[in-house]
Amino acid sequence: EFVAVVSAGGGFTSYGDSVKGRFTISRDNAKNTVYL
């Protein structure tokens, strides 16, 4: 099941219906890390 996605620059995010409003995706390109 798709949960979340963030664009390379971090300006776009999208979430699966089942997690909208509860989950947040983010990234720190300086640390080469993505978070949920």
ModelCIF file with pLDDT and N, C-alpha, C, O atoms, coordinates in Angstrom:
data_MODEL
#
_entry.id   MODEL 
#
_entity.id                         1 
_entity.type                       polymer 
_entity.pdbx_number_of_molecules   1 
#
_entity_poly.entity_id                      1 
_entity_poly.type                           'polypeptide(L)' 
_entity_poly.nstd_linkage                   no 
_entity_poly.nstd_monomer                   no 
_entity_poly.pdbx_seq_one_letter_code       EFVAVVSAGGGFTSYGDSVKGRFTISRDNAKNTVYL 
_entity_poly.pdbx_seq_one_letter_code_can   EFVAVVSAGGGFTSYGDSVKGRFTISRDNAKNTVYL 
_entity_poly.pdbx_strand_id                 A 
#
loop_
_entity_poly_seq.entity_id 
_entity_poly_seq.num 
_entity_poly_seq.mon_id 
_entity_poly_seq.hetero 
1 1  GLU n 
1 2  PHE n 
1 3  VAL n 
1 4  ALA n 
1 5  VAL n 
1 6  VAL n 
1 7  SER n 
1 8  ALA n 
1 9  GLY n 
1 10 GLY n 
1 11 GLY n 
1 12 PHE n 
1 13 THR n 
1 14 SER n 
1 15 TYR n 
1 16 GLY n 
1 17 ASP n 
1 18 SER n 
1 19 VAL n 
1 20 LYS n 
1 21 GLY n 
1 22 ARG n 
1 23 PHE n 
1 24 THR n 
1 25 ILE n 
1 26 SER n 
1 27 ARG n 
1 28 ASP n 
1 29 ASN n 
1 30 ALA n 
1 31 LYS n 
1 32 ASN n 
1 33 THR n 
1 34 VAL n 
1 35 TYR n 
1 36 LEU n 
#
_struct_asym.id          A 
_struct_asym.entity_id   1 
#
loop_
_ma_qa_metric.id 
_ma_qa_metric.mode 
_ma_qa_metric.name 
_ma_qa_metric.software_group_id 
_ma_qa_metric.type 
1 global pLDDT . pLDDT 
2 local  pLDDT . pLDDT 
#
_ma_qa_metric_global.metric_id      1 
_ma_qa_metric_global.metric_value   96.36 
_ma_qa_metric_global.model_id       1 
_ma_qa_metric_global.ordinal_id     1 
#
loop_
_ma_qa_metric_local.label_asym_id 
_ma_qa_metric_local.label_comp_id 
_ma_qa_metric_local.label_seq_id 
_ma_qa_metric_local.metric_id 
_ma_qa_metric_local.metric_value 
_ma_qa_metric_local.model_id 
_ma_qa_metric_local.ordinal_id 
A GLU 1  2 97.00 1 1  
A PHE 2  2 98.00 1 2  
A VAL 3  2 98.00 1 3  
A ALA 4  2 98.00 1 4  
A VAL 5  2 98.00 1 5  
A VAL 6  2 98.00 1 6  
A SER 7  2 97.00 1 7  
A ALA 8  2 94.00 1 8  
A GLY 9  2 92.00 1 9  
A GLY 10 2 93.00 1 10 
A GLY 11 2 94.00 1 11 
A PHE 12 2 97.00 1 12 
A THR 13 2 98.00 1 13 
A SER 14 2 98.00 1 14 
A TYR 15 2 98.00 1 15 
A GLY 16 2 97.00 1 16 
A ASP 17 2 97.00 1 17 
A SER 18 2 97.00 1 18 
A VAL 19 2 98.00 1 19 
A LYS 20 2 97.00 1 20 
A GLY 21 2 97.00 1 21 
A ARG 22 2 98.00 1 22 
A PHE 23 2 98.00 1 23 
A THR 24 2 98.00 1 24 
A ILE 25 2 98.00 1 25 
A SER 26 2 97.00 1 26 
A ARG 27 2 96.00 1 27 
A ASP 28 2 94.00 1 28 
A ASN 29 2 91.00 1 29 
A ALA 30 2 92.00 1 30 
A LYS 31 2 94.00 1 31 
A ASN 32 2 93.00 1 32 
A THR 33 2 96.00 1 33 
A VAL 34 2 97.00 1 34 
A TYR 35 2 98.00 1 35 
A LEU 36 2 98.00 1 36 
#
loop_
_atom_site.group_PDB 
_atom_site.id 
_atom_site.type_symbol 
_atom_site.label_atom_id 
_atom_site.label_alt_id 
_atom_site.label_comp_id 
_atom_site.label_asym_id 
_atom_site.label_entity_id 
_atom_site.label_seq_id 
_atom_site.pdbx_PDB_ins_code 
_atom_site.Cartn_x 
_atom_site.Cartn_y 
_atom_site.Cartn_z 
_atom_site.occupancy 
_atom_site.B_iso_or_equiv 
_atom_site.pdbx_formal_charge 
_atom_site.auth_seq_id 
_atom_site.auth_comp_id 
_atom_site.auth_asym_id 
_atom_site.auth_atom_id 
_atom_site.pdbx_PDB_model_num 
ATOM 1   N N  . GLU A 1 1  ? 0.827  -1.193 0.000  1.00 97.00 ? 1  GLU A N  1 
ATOM 2   C CA . GLU A 1 1  ? 0.000  0.000  0.000  1.00 97.00 ? 1  GLU A CA 1 
ATOM 3   C C  . GLU A 1 1  ? 0.870  1.255  0.000  1.00 97.00 ? 1  GLU A C  1 
ATOM 4   O O  . GLU A 1 1  ? 1.811  1.372  0.786  1.00 97.00 ? 1  GLU A O  1 
ATOM 5   N N  . PHE A 1 2  ? 0.549  2.174  -0.875 1.00 98.00 ? 2  PHE A N  1 
ATOM 6   C CA . PHE A 1 2  ? 1.234  3.456  -0.901 1.00 98.00 ? 2  PHE A CA 1 
ATOM 7   C C  . PHE A 1 2  ? 0.909  4.256  0.352  1.00 98.00 ? 2  PHE A C  1 
ATOM 8   O O  . PHE A 1 2  ? -0.246 4.335  0.772  1.00 98.00 ? 2  PHE A O  1 
ATOM 9   N N  . VAL A 1 3  ? 1.939  4.848  0.943  1.00 98.00 ? 3  VAL A N  1 
ATOM 10  C CA . VAL A 1 3  ? 1.766  5.625  2.170  1.00 98.00 ? 3  VAL A CA 1 
ATOM 11  C C  . VAL A 1 3  ? 2.005  7.111  1.930  1.00 98.00 ? 3  VAL A C  1 
ATOM 12  O O  . VAL A 1 3  ? 1.145  7.937  2.238  1.00 98.00 ? 3  VAL A O  1 
ATOM 13  N N  . ALA A 1 4  ? 3.166  7.454  1.384  1.00 98.00 ? 4  ALA A N  1 
ATOM 14  C CA . ALA A 1 4  ? 3.516  8.861  1.237  1.00 98.00 ? 4  ALA A CA 1 
ATOM 15  C C  . ALA A 1 4  ? 4.662  9.018  0.258  1.00 98.00 ? 4  ALA A C  1 
ATOM 16  O O  . ALA A 1 4  ? 5.418  8.078  0.012  1.00 98.00 ? 4  ALA A O  1 
ATOM 17  N N  . VAL A 1 5  ? 4.784  10.210 -0.298 1.00 98.00 ? 5  VAL A N  1 
ATOM 18  C CA . VAL A 1 5  ? 5.881  10.531 -1.195 1.00 98.00 ? 5  VAL A CA 1 
ATOM 19  C C  . VAL A 1 5  ? 6.237  11.999 -1.042 1.00 98.00 ? 5  VAL A C  1 
ATOM 20  O O  . VAL A 1 5  ? 5.376  12.826 -0.740 1.00 98.00 ? 5  VAL A O  1 
ATOM 21  N N  . VAL A 1 6  ? 7.497  12.318 -1.247 1.00 98.00 ? 6  VAL A N  1 
ATOM 22  C CA . VAL A 1 6  ? 7.965  13.695 -1.250 1.00 98.00 ? 6  VAL A CA 1 
ATOM 23  C C  . VAL A 1 6  ? 8.870  13.880 -2.457 1.00 98.00 ? 6  VAL A C  1 
ATOM 24  O O  . VAL A 1 6  ? 9.673  13.005 -2.779 1.00 98.00 ? 6  VAL A O  1 
ATOM 25  N N  . SER A 1 7  ? 8.741  15.010 -3.117 1.00 97.00 ? 7  SER A N  1 
ATOM 26  C CA . SER A 1 7  ? 9.535  15.280 -4.300 1.00 97.00 ? 7  SER A CA 1 
ATOM 27  C C  . SER A 1 7  ? 10.991 15.519 -3.927 1.00 97.00 ? 7  SER A C  1 
ATOM 28  O O  . SER A 1 7  ? 11.331 15.686 -2.756 1.00 97.00 ? 7  SER A O  1 
ATOM 29  N N  . ALA A 1 8  ? 11.838 15.531 -4.942 1.00 94.00 ? 8  ALA A N  1 
ATOM 30  C CA . ALA A 1 8  ? 13.272 15.683 -4.703 1.00 94.00 ? 8  ALA A CA 1 
ATOM 31  C C  . ALA A 1 8  ? 13.595 16.950 -3.926 1.00 94.00 ? 8  ALA A C  1 
ATOM 32  O O  . ALA A 1 8  ? 14.435 16.936 -3.027 1.00 94.00 ? 8  ALA A O  1 
ATOM 33  N N  . GLY A 1 9  ? 12.937 18.027 -4.269 1.00 92.00 ? 9  GLY A N  1 
ATOM 34  C CA . GLY A 1 9  ? 13.193 19.287 -3.599 1.00 92.00 ? 9  GLY A CA 1 
ATOM 35  C C  . GLY A 1 9  ? 12.388 19.493 -2.327 1.00 92.00 ? 9  GLY A C  1 
ATOM 36  O O  . GLY A 1 9  ? 12.605 20.467 -1.607 1.00 92.00 ? 9  GLY A O  1 
ATOM 37  N N  . GLY A 1 10 ? 11.470 18.593 -2.047 1.00 93.00 ? 10 GLY A N  1 
ATOM 38  C CA . GLY A 1 10 ? 10.663 18.690 -0.845 1.00 93.00 ? 10 GLY A CA 1 
ATOM 39  C C  . GLY A 1 10 ? 9.435  19.560 -0.972 1.00 93.00 ? 10 GLY A C  1 
ATOM 40  O O  . GLY A 1 10 ? 8.705  19.737 0.003  1.00 93.00 ? 10 GLY A O  1 
ATOM 41  N N  . GLY A 1 11 ? 9.188  20.107 -2.147 1.00 94.00 ? 11 GLY A N  1 
ATOM 42  C CA . GLY A 1 11 ? 8.080  21.024 -2.318 1.00 94.00 ? 11 GLY A CA 1 
ATOM 43  C C  . GLY A 1 11 ? 6.734  20.375 -2.568 1.00 94.00 ? 11 GLY A C  1 
ATOM 44  O O  . GLY A 1 11 ? 5.704  21.047 -2.507 1.00 94.00 ? 11 GLY A O  1 
ATOM 45  N N  . PHE A 1 12 ? 6.724  19.100 -2.844 1.00 97.00 ? 12 PHE A N  1 
ATOM 46  C CA . PHE A 1 12 ? 5.489  18.382 -3.120 1.00 97.00 ? 12 PHE A CA 1 
ATOM 47  C C  . PHE A 1 12 ? 5.419  17.146 -2.251 1.00 97.00 ? 12 PHE A C  1 
ATOM 48  O O  . PHE A 1 12 ? 6.394  16.402 -2.137 1.00 97.00 ? 12 PHE A O  1 
ATOM 49  N N  . THR A 1 13 ? 4.273  16.926 -1.641 1.00 98.00 ? 13 THR A N  1 
ATOM 50  C CA . THR A 1 13 ? 4.016  15.707 -0.892 1.00 98.00 ? 13 THR A CA 1 
ATOM 51  C C  . THR A 1 13 ? 2.636  15.182 -1.227 1.00 98.00 ? 13 THR A C  1 
ATOM 52  O O  . THR A 1 13 ? 1.738  15.936 -1.601 1.00 98.00 ? 13 THR A O  1 
ATOM 53  N N  . SER A 1 14 ? 2.485  13.886 -1.089 1.00 98.00 ? 14 SER A N  1 
ATOM 54  C CA . SER A 1 14 ? 1.200  13.257 -1.305 1.00 98.00 ? 14 SER A CA 1 
ATOM 55  C C  . SER A 1 14 ? 1.089  12.059 -0.382 1.00 98.00 ? 14 SER A C  1 
ATOM 56  O O  . SER A 1 14 ? 2.095  11.440 -0.034 1.00 98.00 ? 14 SER A O  1 
ATOM 57  N N  . TYR A 1 15 ? -0.141 11.731 0.018  1.00 98.00 ? 15 TYR A N  1 
ATOM 58  C CA . TYR A 1 15 ? -0.361 10.671 0.992  1.00 98.00 ? 15 TYR A CA 1 
ATOM 59  C C  . TYR A 1 15 ? -1.482 9.749  0.560  1.00 98.00 ? 15 TYR A C  1 
ATOM 60  O O  . TYR A 1 15 ? -2.411 10.150 -0.140 1.00 98.00 ? 15 TYR A O  1 
ATOM 61  N N  . GLY A 1 16 ? -1.372 8.511  0.993  1.00 97.00 ? 16 GLY A N  1 
ATOM 62  C CA . GLY A 1 16 ? -2.465 7.593  0.800  1.00 97.00 ? 16 GLY A CA 1 
ATOM 63  C C  . GLY A 1 16 ? -3.651 7.995  1.656  1.00 97.00 ? 16 GLY A C  1 
ATOM 64  O O  . GLY A 1 16 ? -3.492 8.610  2.711  1.00 97.00 ? 16 GLY A O  1 
ATOM 65  N N  . ASP A 1 17 ? -4.838 7.644  1.192  1.00 97.00 ? 17 ASP A N  1 
ATOM 66  C CA . ASP A 1 17 ? -6.050 8.063  1.886  1.00 97.00 ? 17 ASP A CA 1 
ATOM 67  C C  . ASP A 1 17 ? -6.093 7.586  3.334  1.00 97.00 ? 17 ASP A C  1 
ATOM 68  O O  . ASP A 1 17 ? -6.613 8.286  4.202  1.00 97.00 ? 17 ASP A O  1 
ATOM 69  N N  . SER A 1 18 ? -5.562 6.422  3.593  1.00 97.00 ? 18 SER A N  1 
ATOM 70  C CA . SER A 1 18 ? -5.663 5.838  4.920  1.00 97.00 ? 18 SER A CA 1 
ATOM 71  C C  . SER A 1 18 ? -4.790 6.543  5.960  1.00 97.00 ? 18 SER A C  1 
ATOM 72  O O  . SER A 1 18 ? -4.979 6.339  7.159  1.00 97.00 ? 18 SER A O  1 
ATOM 73  N N  . VAL A 1 19 ? -3.841 7.366  5.519  1.00 98.00 ? 19 VAL A N  1 
ATOM 74  C CA . VAL A 1 19 ? -2.930 8.006  6.466  1.00 98.00 ? 19 VAL A CA 1 
ATOM 75  C C  . VAL A 1 19 ? -2.995 9.524  6.425  1.00 98.00 ? 19 VAL A C  1 
ATOM 76  O O  . VAL A 1 19 ? -2.308 10.185 7.203  1.00 98.00 ? 19 VAL A O  1 
ATOM 77  N N  . LYS A 1 20 ? -3.788 10.085 5.554  1.00 97.00 ? 20 LYS A N  1 
ATOM 78  C CA . LYS A 1 20 ? -3.891 11.538 5.455  1.00 97.00 ? 20 LYS A CA 1 
ATOM 79  C C  . LYS A 1 20 ? -4.315 12.145 6.786  1.00 97.00 ? 20 LYS A C  1 
ATOM 80  O O  . LYS A 1 20 ? -5.241 11.669 7.443  1.00 97.00 ? 20 LYS A O  1 
ATOM 81  N N  . GLY A 1 21 ? -3.621 13.199 7.162  1.00 97.00 ? 21 GLY A N  1 
ATOM 82  C CA . GLY A 1 21 ? -3.917 13.872 8.411  1.00 97.00 ? 21 GLY A CA 1 
ATOM 83  C C  . GLY A 1 21 ? -3.209 13.295 9.611  1.00 97.00 ? 21 GLY A C  1 
ATOM 84  O O  . GLY A 1 21 ? -3.191 13.917 10.673 1.00 97.00 ? 21 GLY A O  1 
ATOM 85  N N  . ARG A 1 22 ? -2.625 12.122 9.470  1.00 98.00 ? 22 ARG A N  1 
ATOM 86  C CA . ARG A 1 22 ? -1.935 11.481 10.585 1.00 98.00 ? 22 ARG A CA 1 
ATOM 87  C C  . ARG A 1 22 ? -0.438 11.332 10.359 1.00 98.00 ? 22 ARG A C  1 
ATOM 88  O O  . ARG A 1 22 ? 0.344  11.417 11.306 1.00 98.00 ? 22 ARG A O  1 
ATOM 89  N N  . PHE A 1 23 ? -0.036 11.113 9.121  1.00 98.00 ? 23 PHE A N  1 
ATOM 90  C CA . PHE A 1 23 ? 1.368  10.886 8.791  1.00 98.00 ? 23 PHE A CA 1 
ATOM 91  C C  . PHE A 1 23 ? 1.929  12.091 8.049  1.00 98.00 ? 23 PHE A C  1 
ATOM 92  O O  . PHE A 1 23 ? 1.213  12.778 7.321  1.00 98.00 ? 23 PHE A O  1 
ATOM 93  N N  . THR A 1 24 ? 3.217  12.336 8.243  1.00 98.00 ? 24 THR A N  1 
ATOM 94  C CA . THR A 1 24 ? 3.902  13.413 7.554  1.00 98.00 ? 24 THR A CA 1 
ATOM 95  C C  . THR A 1 24 ? 5.247  12.923 7.050  1.00 98.00 ? 24 THR A C  1 
ATOM 96  O O  . THR A 1 24 ? 6.041  12.374 7.814  1.00 98.00 ? 24 THR A O  1 
ATOM 97  N N  . ILE A 1 25 ? 5.499  13.120 5.774  1.00 98.00 ? 25 ILE A N  1 
ATOM 98  C CA . ILE A 1 25 ? 6.781  12.769 5.197  1.00 98.00 ? 25 ILE A CA 1 
ATOM 99  C C  . ILE A 1 25 ? 7.628  14.025 5.066  1.00 98.00 ? 25 ILE A C  1 
ATOM 100 O O  . ILE A 1 25 ? 7.116  15.101 4.756  1.00 98.00 ? 25 ILE A O  1 
ATOM 101 N N  . SER A 1 26 ? 8.914  13.882 5.302  1.00 97.00 ? 26 SER A N  1 
ATOM 102 C CA . SER A 1 26 ? 9.830  15.001 5.163  1.00 97.00 ? 26 SER A CA 1 
ATOM 103 C C  . SER A 1 26 ? 11.204 14.464 4.790  1.00 97.00 ? 26 SER A C  1 
ATOM 104 O O  . SER A 1 26 ? 11.456 13.262 4.883  1.00 97.00 ? 26 SER A O  1 
ATOM 105 N N  . ARG A 1 27 ? 12.074 15.344 4.375  1.00 96.00 ? 27 ARG A N  1 
ATOM 106 C CA . ARG A 1 27 ? 13.417 14.926 4.019  1.00 96.00 ? 27 ARG A CA 1 
ATOM 107 C C  . ARG A 1 27 ? 14.419 15.983 4.416  1.00 96.00 ? 27 ARG A C  1 
ATOM 108 O O  . ARG A 1 27 ? 14.099 17.170 4.487  1.00 96.00 ? 27 ARG A O  1 
ATOM 109 N N  . ASP A 1 28 ? 15.628 15.542 4.670  1.00 94.00 ? 28 ASP A N  1 
ATOM 110 C CA . ASP A 1 28 ? 16.740 16.414 4.972  1.00 94.00 ? 28 ASP A CA 1 
ATOM 111 C C  . ASP A 1 28 ? 17.848 16.032 3.996  1.00 94.00 ? 28 ASP A C  1 
ATOM 112 O O  . ASP A 1 28 ? 18.597 15.083 4.230  1.00 94.00 ? 28 ASP A O  1 
ATOM 113 N N  . ASN A 1 29 ? 17.940 16.766 2.922  1.00 91.00 ? 29 ASN A N  1 
ATOM 114 C CA . ASN A 1 29 ? 18.905 16.411 1.888  1.00 91.00 ? 29 ASN A CA 1 
ATOM 115 C C  . ASN A 1 29 ? 20.351 16.543 2.361  1.00 91.00 ? 29 ASN A C  1 
ATOM 116 O O  . ASN A 1 29 ? 21.236 15.850 1.860  1.00 91.00 ? 29 ASN A O  1 
ATOM 117 N N  . ALA A 1 30 ? 20.586 17.425 3.313  1.00 92.00 ? 30 ALA A N  1 
ATOM 118 C CA . ALA A 1 30 ? 21.932 17.558 3.858  1.00 92.00 ? 30 ALA A CA 1 
ATOM 119 C C  . ALA A 1 30 ? 22.361 16.305 4.605  1.00 92.00 ? 30 ALA A C  1 
ATOM 120 O O  . ALA A 1 30 ? 23.554 16.017 4.700  1.00 92.00 ? 30 ALA A O  1 
ATOM 121 N N  . LYS A 1 31 ? 21.394 15.557 5.137  1.00 94.00 ? 31 LYS A N  1 
ATOM 122 C CA . LYS A 1 31 ? 21.678 14.324 5.860  1.00 94.00 ? 31 LYS A CA 1 
ATOM 123 C C  . LYS A 1 31 ? 21.359 13.076 5.051  1.00 94.00 ? 31 LYS A C  1 
ATOM 124 O O  . LYS A 1 31 ? 21.506 11.962 5.552  1.00 94.00 ? 31 LYS A O  1 
ATOM 125 N N  . ASN A 1 32 ? 20.930 13.245 3.823  1.00 93.00 ? 32 ASN A N  1 
ATOM 126 C CA . ASN A 1 32 ? 20.552 12.117 2.969  1.00 93.00 ? 32 ASN A CA 1 
ATOM 127 C C  . ASN A 1 32 ? 19.547 11.208 3.658  1.00 93.00 ? 32 ASN A C  1 
ATOM 128 O O  . ASN A 1 32 ? 19.683 9.985  3.637  1.00 93.00 ? 32 ASN A O  1 
ATOM 129 N N  . THR A 1 33 ? 18.546 11.810 4.264  1.00 96.00 ? 33 THR A N  1 
ATOM 130 C CA . THR A 1 33 ? 17.590 11.055 5.058  1.00 96.00 ? 33 THR A CA 1 
ATOM 131 C C  . THR A 1 33 ? 16.170 11.524 4.782  1.00 96.00 ? 33 THR A C  1 
ATOM 132 O O  . THR A 1 33 ? 15.912 12.718 4.631  1.00 96.00 ? 33 THR A O  1 
ATOM 133 N N  . VAL A 1 34 ? 15.256 10.563 4.720  1.00 97.00 ? 34 VAL A N  1 
ATOM 134 C CA . VAL A 1 34 ? 13.836 10.850 4.618  1.00 97.00 ? 34 VAL A CA 1 
ATOM 135 C C  . VAL A 1 34 ? 13.156 10.292 5.855  1.00 97.00 ? 34 VAL A C  1 
ATOM 136 O O  . VAL A 1 34 ? 13.569 9.259  6.382  1.00 97.00 ? 34 VAL A O  1 
ATOM 137 N N  . TYR A 1 35 ? 12.120 10.966 6.319  1.00 98.00 ? 35 TYR A N  1 
ATOM 138 C CA . TYR A 1 35 ? 11.438 10.593 7.544  1.00 98.00 ? 35 TYR A CA 1 
ATOM 139 C C  . TYR A 1 35 ? 9.955  10.361 7.278  1.00 98.00 ? 35 TYR A C  1 
ATOM 140 O O  . TYR A 1 35 ? 9.380  10.895 6.329  1.00 98.00 ? 35 TYR A O  1 
ATOM 141 N N  . LEU A 1 36 ? 9.363  9.564  8.130  1.00 98.00 ? 36 LEU A N  1 
ATOM 142 C CA . LEU A 1 36 ? 7.923  9.413  8.146  1.00 98.00 ? 36 LEU A CA 1 
ATOM 143 C C  . LEU A 1 36 ? 7.466  9.556  9.590  1.00 98.00 ? 36 LEU A C  1 
ATOM 144 O O  . LEU A 1 36 ? 6.271  9.466  9.871  1.00 98.00 ? 36 LEU A O  1 
#
